[in-house]
């Protein structure tokens, strides 16, 4: 019966929405709170369905109107909670509707200035729409975007200067807004946890982005990302190593600060193992190891050694055909030639073990453990290889 009544009076309730003021909304929430069960541990939907809305009703607001208004309010707050907690969140939302992420919706919040491109777009759009009435908005946007990129620096400077002037004005208005509305600014105490370290690419990107925007202040976020992404992919090993070293320094400092933080906050139960995760990719780690003198692992058997040597002269041969050719050529070798490759392979393994030992001795303890763990991982992968790969050493 209540559900039927709720549906039947839905239209009437919608007409009364604008009557609700902040005081009435808080009275509604308080009425709900006082009618909750003493031990509210169930899902909020379950508790909500058992709530006696007739007892919640107040003034000239009916049970249906109260329920409808609650459904609207509940859309503004998190729902993975009990109804008791949800009502508290709703009360905070009613008292501070513009707090946090919704601050930009405040009627007095200053508007951000238009970028140089959008100034050009707004200025020229009507003209081009009149010239090309058959074009869609998307096509007009593409044309104007191309036209803006083709502008000379002399013509483009007008839009850039207007943008910079308005940006300074925006910053002044924003500072005034913060002074006049301190209650809307998120003043939640920031965590004293150290900032997580950045990857080599992130450090390089942040550095280059500032330089790029100085030269091209009108560039869009996509243009910056695309341009810098291409530059990073073409960066030489020597330049990449510079940022790898910076990232490792930052990582080391972070680990020290995090250990201090963990000691200060034992209640957080943070595992120390979790703070030593590397910020380097596998390729970056290999480049760093190579720079530090890590020896290259030799082929595992005489056949692999033969193939590796043969393939240096097969750069123009498709990869699918290389292994077939290697196998055919290997079969043509005499046993004496195969034995020579076997002997050569064993000598390389012996040399590698000595070089690896010297490399390990040059590393700090935690790095030694990492390299040894990688060696063990490589061995375990070979042991778990498919039966097809477990051929007799020296044979394809």
Foldseek 3Di string as FASTA:
>chain_A
DVVVVLVVCVVVLVVCVVVDALVNLLLLLVQQLVQFDPDFDDQQVVRLVPGDLCSSDDDPQHSSSSNVVVVVLLVVDDRRGTNNVSSVVSNVCSVQVCADPNVCVPPQQDDQFDFLLVVQCVVCVVVVCVVCVVDDPVVSSVVSVVVLVPDDCVVSVVSHVVNVVVNVVNVVSNVVVCVVCVVRYPPPDDDPQDDAFAALLVVVLVVVLVVVCVVPVRDDPVRSCVVSVVVVVVDDLVVSVVSRVVRVVRLVVNLVRNVVVCVVCVVVVDDSVVSNDDSYDPVNVVSVLVVLQQDDAADPFLLRNQLVVVCVVVPVPDPVCSVVVSQVVLVVDDPVVLVVSRVVRVVSNVVNVVSNVVSLVVDPPVVNVVVVVVVVVVVVVVVVDDPVPPDDGSHD
